[in-house]
Amino acid sequence: MAFESRAEYWKELPSYDSSFHFRWQPISKGIRFDQLSASQKQMVNHFEFHYEITTKDNLFRNFLKYTHETKLNPFLYVPLTFIINVNEFGEVVNYKEFVKCHKILSKLKKNYEKKLKEIGFAVNKKLVITEKAELNETHFAGKNIWIFKPTELNRGQGVIVFDTLPKFFELIKEYSKGPIDEEMLVNKTKATKSPKNKIRARSFVIQKYIEKPLLIYNRKFDIRCWALVTHEMKLYFFKEGYIRTSSSEYTVDDVEKKDIHLTNNAIQKYCTGYSKFEDGNQMSFPMFQVIVI
């Protein structure tokens, strides 16, 4: 787009022109940030290096770095989190700390309320457990549930709730770029594509599931809102957002049913209970205020 100073309005260009004032595109690939002209006040709808906060693994790494520098406990703000990678041979290279945590929590299934305050986890910059930090009581209700997320996908793609270690390894095998088996790990032969699932990833975020979440009408929800950050670092917050709801009442007894645990519209719209309670499984802020009051 170019700005017509005399007419004082934006004019859409029929094709790409290097003299643009504002360029809009869905992804940042192809934008030469180093060639944007300050004199022409050229703007684009992406920040350079935005992937440092727009991918799940980088967001957590940078958050972890910040909390270490400021001497804060990261898990007072986010659930216990691990980043699991799969190398070119299909080998899971950094899963032991997660397995260690899972096994510790598995032992708490009986009388866990008394024992929960006695244990906890913290990690250093390399995501290695180093000391105890209290685990939020809303994150554990005796079921030891976790959530599996491919790092660079959106709209709930590849997001799975699980509770056992065999299921964890099954998910890594299914969603990584190649199958994982003992022969491959021993011989270091390069992995071939597995036909089981179309989604492929090499990096995953494994995060402690909040087993006792805040609910609306006994169902899970999330809040969608928008903000605009300009190139001058000015922040504008849009006051009208909405709440997305799930189609089924919440329970920890069924971890595989996505319409219970994932509130993404891309997931819920295919569920049998979609729009049963709210039109499009969406609730406005005024509707929510009525519930709260």
Protein backbone atom coordinates (compact mmCIF):
# COMPACT_ATOMS: atom_id res chain seq x y z
CA MET A 1 0.00 0.00 0.00
CA ALA A 2 1.09 3.55 -0.67
CA PHE A 3 -0.08 6.71 1.06
CA GLU A 4 -1.34 9.56 -1.13
CA SER A 5 -0.34 12.64 0.87
CA ARG A 6 -2.53 15.11 -1.00
CA ALA A 7 -5.66 12.98 -0.96
CA GLU A 8 -4.77 11.73 2.55
CA TYR A 9 -5.82 8.14 2.15
CA TRP A 10 -4.24 4.74 1.61
CA LYS A 11 -4.14 3.36 -1.92
CA GLU A 12 -3.78 -0.36 -2.55
CA LEU A 13 -1.18 -1.17 -5.18
CA PRO A 14 -2.19 -3.71 -7.87
CA SER A 15 1.16 -5.53 -7.54
CA TYR A 16 4.25 -5.50 -5.34
CA ASP A 17 6.15 -2.22 -5.46
CA SER A 18 9.37 -1.62 -3.51
CA SER A 19 8.24 1.94 -2.79
CA PHE A 20 5.38 0.78 -0.54
CA HIS A 21 4.61 2.47 2.76
CA PHE A 22 2.85 -0.51 4.35
CA ARG A 23 3.16 -4.16 3.35
CA TRP A 24 0.82 -6.81 4.72
CA GLN A 25 1.42 -10.54 4.38
CA PRO A 26 0.34 -13.59 6.43
CA ILE A 27 3.88 -14.70 7.37
CA SER A 28 7.19 -12.88 7.70
CA LYS A 29 9.07 -15.08 5.23
CA GLY A 30 10.40 -12.95 2.37
CA ILE A 31 10.45 -9.66 4.24
CA ARG A 32 13.89 -8.02 4.07
CA PHE A 33 13.86 -6.09 7.31
CA ASP A 34 17.34 -4.70 6.64
CA GLN A 35 16.11 -3.06 3.45
CA LEU A 36 13.09 -1.22 4.87
CA SER A 37 13.47 2.50 4.29
CA ALA A 38 13.25 4.79 7.31
CA SER A 39 13.01 7.88 5.13
CA GLN A 40 9.96 6.49 3.33
CA LYS A 41 8.54 5.29 6.65
CA GLN A 42 8.09 1.77 5.31
CA MET A 43 6.19 -0.56 7.63
CA VAL A 44 5.34 -4.27 7.64
CA ASN A 45 2.94 -6.27 9.80
CA HIS A 46 5.67 -8.41 11.40
CA PHE A 47 8.48 -7.79 13.85
CA GLU A 48 11.94 -9.04 12.96
CA PHE A 49 12.87 -12.12 15.03
CA HIS A 50 9.24 -12.43 16.16
CA TYR A 51 9.71 -16.21 16.34
CA GLU A 52 11.51 -15.63 19.65
CA ILE A 53 8.07 -15.26 21.23
CA THR A 54 5.67 -16.70 18.64
CA THR A 55 6.84 -20.32 18.85
CA LYS A 56 6.10 -22.28 22.01
CA ASP A 57 9.66 -23.41 22.66
CA ASN A 58 11.33 -20.03 22.13
CA LEU A 59 8.68 -18.27 24.19
CA PHE A 60 9.43 -20.53 27.15
CA ARG A 61 13.22 -20.31 26.69
CA ASN A 62 13.13 -16.52 26.73
CA PHE A 63 10.71 -16.45 29.64
CA LEU A 64 12.98 -18.84 31.53
CA LYS A 65 16.00 -16.65 30.80
CA TYR A 66 14.14 -13.58 32.05
CA THR A 67 13.07 -15.22 35.31
CA HIS A 68 16.60 -16.43 35.99
CA GLU A 69 18.01 -12.94 35.43
CA THR A 70 15.37 -11.41 37.70
CA LYS A 71 15.64 -14.25 40.26
CA LEU A 72 11.99 -15.22 39.92
CA ASN A 73 10.53 -18.70 40.01
CA PRO A 74 9.14 -19.27 36.47
CA PHE A 75 6.67 -21.87 37.69
CA LEU A 76 4.79 -19.33 39.77
CA TYR A 77 3.59 -18.00 36.41
CA VAL A 78 3.48 -20.99 34.05
CA PRO A 79 3.03 -24.74 34.59
CA LEU A 80 6.08 -27.00 34.79
CA THR A 81 7.42 -27.10 31.21
CA PHE A 82 9.95 -29.12 29.22
CA ILE A 83 11.19 -28.79 25.65
CA ILE A 84 11.78 -32.17 24.00
CA ASN A 85 13.74 -32.42 20.74
CA VAL A 86 14.19 -35.21 18.20
CA ASN A 87 17.44 -35.24 16.21
CA GLU A 88 17.93 -36.17 12.54
CA PHE A 89 18.25 -39.84 13.43
CA GLY A 90 14.87 -39.89 15.20
CA GLU A 91 16.49 -40.00 18.64
CA VAL A 92 14.83 -38.21 21.57
CA VAL A 93 17.77 -36.33 23.04
CA ASN A 94 16.51 -34.53 26.17
CA TYR A 95 13.59 -36.31 27.76
CA LYS A 96 15.09 -37.67 31.00
CA GLU A 97 14.18 -34.69 33.19
CA PHE A 98 10.55 -34.91 32.12
CA VAL A 99 10.49 -38.66 32.79
CA LYS A 100 11.99 -38.02 36.22
CA CYS A 101 9.22 -35.52 37.07
CA HIS A 102 6.50 -37.81 35.75
CA LYS A 103 7.71 -40.71 37.89
CA ILE A 104 7.87 -38.56 41.03
CA LEU A 105 4.30 -37.35 40.54
CA SER A 106 3.10 -40.88 39.76
CA LYS A 107 4.01 -41.87 43.31
CA LEU A 108 1.70 -39.19 44.73
CA LYS A 109 -1.57 -40.61 43.49
CA LYS A 110 -2.50 -41.74 47.01
CA ASN A 111 -2.85 -39.06 49.70
CA TYR A 112 -1.30 -36.57 47.30
CA GLU A 113 -2.79 -33.53 49.11
CA LYS A 114 -0.44 -34.02 52.07
CA LYS A 115 2.61 -34.90 49.97
CA LEU A 116 2.24 -32.25 47.26
CA LYS A 117 3.63 -29.43 49.43
CA GLU A 118 6.71 -31.51 50.23
CA ILE A 119 7.92 -31.71 46.64
CA GLY A 120 8.38 -29.37 43.73
CA PHE A 121 10.56 -28.68 40.73
CA ALA A 122 12.73 -25.96 39.27
CA VAL A 123 14.98 -26.01 36.23
CA ASN A 124 18.07 -24.15 35.13
CA LYS A 125 18.71 -22.59 31.71
CA LYS A 126 19.40 -26.04 30.26
CA LEU A 127 16.03 -27.32 31.53
CA VAL A 128 17.67 -29.58 34.10
CA ILE A 129 16.05 -29.97 37.51
CA THR A 130 18.25 -28.30 40.10
CA GLU A 131 16.21 -27.59 43.21
CA LYS A 132 12.77 -27.81 44.76
CA ALA A 133 10.04 -25.27 44.08
CA GLU A 134 6.45 -25.66 45.22
CA LEU A 135 4.13 -27.13 42.60
CA ASN A 136 0.87 -25.22 42.27
CA GLU A 137 -1.92 -27.26 43.82
CA THR A 138 -4.25 -26.57 40.86
CA HIS A 139 -1.83 -28.45 38.58
CA PHE A 140 -2.20 -31.82 40.25
CA ALA A 141 -5.36 -33.67 41.26
CA GLY A 142 -3.89 -37.15 41.55
CA LYS A 143 -4.02 -37.98 37.83
CA ASN A 144 -0.55 -36.83 36.64
CA ILE A 145 -1.85 -35.35 33.37
CA TRP A 146 0.38 -33.53 30.86
CA ILE A 147 -0.15 -31.77 27.54
CA PHE A 148 1.89 -32.39 24.40
CA LYS A 149 2.37 -29.54 21.87
CA PRO A 150 4.39 -29.40 18.64
CA THR A 151 6.21 -26.08 18.91
CA GLU A 152 5.50 -24.34 15.59
CA LEU A 153 1.88 -25.29 14.93
CA ASN A 154 -1.33 -23.45 15.79
CA ARG A 155 -5.11 -23.97 15.96
CA GLY A 156 -4.64 -26.95 18.27
CA GLN A 157 -2.83 -29.03 15.64
CA GLY A 158 -1.02 -31.95 17.24
CA VAL A 159 -1.99 -30.90 20.78
CA ILE A 160 -2.70 -34.01 22.85
CA VAL A 161 -3.49 -34.52 26.53
CA PHE A 162 -1.86 -37.65 28.02
CA ASP A 163 -1.08 -39.22 31.37
CA THR A 164 1.34 -42.15 30.87
CA LEU A 165 4.97 -42.41 29.78
CA PRO A 166 4.20 -45.05 27.10
CA LYS A 167 1.71 -42.58 25.58
CA PHE A 168 4.38 -39.85 25.66
CA PHE A 169 6.85 -41.96 23.66
CA GLU A 170 4.07 -43.02 21.29
CA LEU A 171 3.27 -39.36 20.57
CA ILE A 172 6.92 -38.47 19.99
CA LYS A 173 7.21 -41.36 17.54
CA GLU A 174 4.00 -40.47 15.73
CA TYR A 175 4.55 -36.73 15.33
CA SER A 176 8.31 -36.55 14.81
CA LYS A 177 9.69 -36.53 11.26
CA GLY A 178 10.54 -40.19 11.41
CA PRO A 179 9.76 -43.33 13.41
CA ILE A 180 11.72 -44.01 16.58
CA ASP A 181 12.86 -47.55 17.31
CA GLU A 182 15.76 -49.26 19.08
CA GLU A 183 17.48 -50.39 15.87
CA MET A 184 17.58 -46.83 14.58
CA LEU A 185 19.04 -45.48 17.81
CA VAL A 186 21.76 -48.15 17.84
CA ASN A 187 22.73 -47.92 14.16
CA LYS A 188 22.19 -44.14 13.85
CA THR A 189 20.53 -44.63 10.49
CA LYS A 190 18.61 -41.60 9.29
CA ALA A 191 14.89 -41.69 9.88
CA THR A 192 12.41 -42.05 7.05
CA LYS A 193 9.00 -40.41 7.03
CA SER A 194 6.31 -42.25 8.90
CA PRO A 195 2.89 -42.47 7.20
CA LYS A 196 0.94 -42.50 10.46
CA ASN A 197 0.29 -38.77 10.74
CA LYS A 198 0.48 -35.81 8.35
CA ILE A 199 1.77 -33.46 11.08
CA ARG A 200 5.54 -33.53 11.49
CA ALA A 201 7.73 -31.79 14.06
CA ARG A 202 11.19 -32.09 15.62
CA SER A 203 10.53 -30.03 18.74
CA PHE A 204 7.78 -30.36 21.34
CA VAL A 205 6.70 -28.57 24.49
CA ILE A 206 5.57 -30.88 27.27
CA GLN A 207 3.70 -28.95 29.93
CA LYS A 208 2.01 -29.89 33.19
CA TYR A 209 -1.72 -29.88 32.59
CA ILE A 210 -3.80 -27.79 35.01
CA GLU A 211 -5.92 -30.56 36.48
CA LYS A 212 -8.13 -28.20 38.52
CA PRO A 213 -8.82 -25.27 36.14
CA LEU A 214 -11.25 -22.38 36.52
CA LEU A 215 -14.52 -23.37 34.80
CA ILE A 216 -17.66 -21.75 33.38
CA TYR A 217 -20.77 -23.92 33.84
CA ASN A 218 -18.38 -26.82 34.62
CA ARG A 219 -16.69 -26.40 31.23
CA LYS A 220 -13.24 -25.16 30.22
CA PHE A 221 -12.76 -21.80 28.53
CA ASP A 222 -10.11 -19.40 27.29
CA ILE A 223 -10.04 -15.66 26.64
CA ARG A 224 -9.34 -14.17 23.21
CA CYS A 225 -8.30 -10.54 22.97
CA TRP A 226 -6.26 -8.38 20.60
CA ALA A 227 -3.47 -5.86 20.96
CA LEU A 228 -1.55 -3.81 18.41
CA VAL A 229 2.11 -2.98 18.98
CA THR A 230 3.48 -0.36 16.58
CA HIS A 231 7.02 0.01 15.29
CA GLU A 232 7.40 2.80 17.88
CA MET A 233 6.52 0.29 20.63
CA LYS A 234 3.17 1.89 21.38
CA LEU A 235 0.58 -0.58 22.64
CA TYR A 236 -3.11 -0.40 21.75
CA PHE A 237 -5.49 -2.85 23.44
CA PHE A 238 -8.86 -3.66 21.84
CA LYS A 239 -11.46 -3.65 24.61
CA GLU A 240 -13.88 -6.05 22.90
CA GLY A 241 -12.74 -9.67 23.01
CA TYR A 242 -14.58 -12.91 23.59
CA ILE A 243 -14.47 -16.18 25.51
CA ARG A 244 -14.22 -19.58 23.81
CA THR A 245 -15.88 -22.50 25.57
CA SER A 246 -15.69 -26.27 25.36
CA SER A 247 -18.54 -28.52 24.28
CA SER A 248 -18.47 -30.96 27.21
CA GLU A 249 -18.23 -30.74 30.99
CA TYR A 250 -14.74 -30.97 32.40
CA THR A 251 -13.41 -34.22 33.83
CA VAL A 252 -9.93 -35.65 34.39
CA ASP A 253 -11.22 -39.18 33.87
CA ASP A 254 -11.09 -38.91 30.06
CA VAL A 255 -7.87 -37.37 28.74
CA GLU A 256 -8.42 -38.35 25.10
CA LYS A 257 -11.65 -36.45 24.47
CA LYS A 258 -10.57 -33.17 22.86
CA ASP A 259 -13.94 -31.42 23.20
CA ILE A 260 -13.38 -31.52 26.98
CA HIS A 261 -9.80 -30.26 27.15
CA LEU A 262 -9.09 -28.09 24.07
CA THR A 263 -11.08 -24.91 23.52
CA ASN A 264 -9.64 -24.05 20.09
CA ASN A 265 -12.45 -23.25 17.68
CA ALA A 266 -10.65 -25.29 15.01
CA ILE A 267 -11.13 -28.32 17.32
CA GLN A 268 -14.54 -27.59 18.83
CA LYS A 269 -16.36 -26.92 15.54
CA TYR A 270 -16.02 -30.61 14.65
CA CYS A 271 -17.42 -31.82 18.00
CA THR A 272 -20.98 -33.13 18.32
CA GLY A 273 -21.81 -30.61 21.07
CA TYR A 274 -20.64 -27.57 19.13
CA SER A 275 -22.99 -24.56 19.67
CA LYS A 276 -25.09 -26.59 22.11
CA PHE A 277 -24.51 -24.12 24.95
CA GLU A 278 -23.31 -20.93 23.20
CA ASP A 279 -23.58 -19.95 19.57
CA GLY A 280 -20.28 -20.96 18.00
CA ASN A 281 -18.99 -21.86 21.48
CA GLN A 282 -18.34 -18.16 22.04
CA MET A 283 -19.34 -15.85 24.86
CA SER A 284 -18.98 -12.06 24.91
CA PHE A 285 -17.43 -10.23 27.85
CA PRO A 286 -20.84 -8.78 28.89
CA MET A 287 -22.29 -12.32 28.90
CA PHE A 288 -19.42 -13.44 31.12
CA GLN A 289 -19.94 -10.50 33.49
CA VAL A 290 -23.52 -11.68 34.11
CA ILE A 291 -22.15 -15.07 35.19
CA VAL A 292 -19.55 -13.54 37.50
CA ILE A 293 -21.93 -11.07 39.13
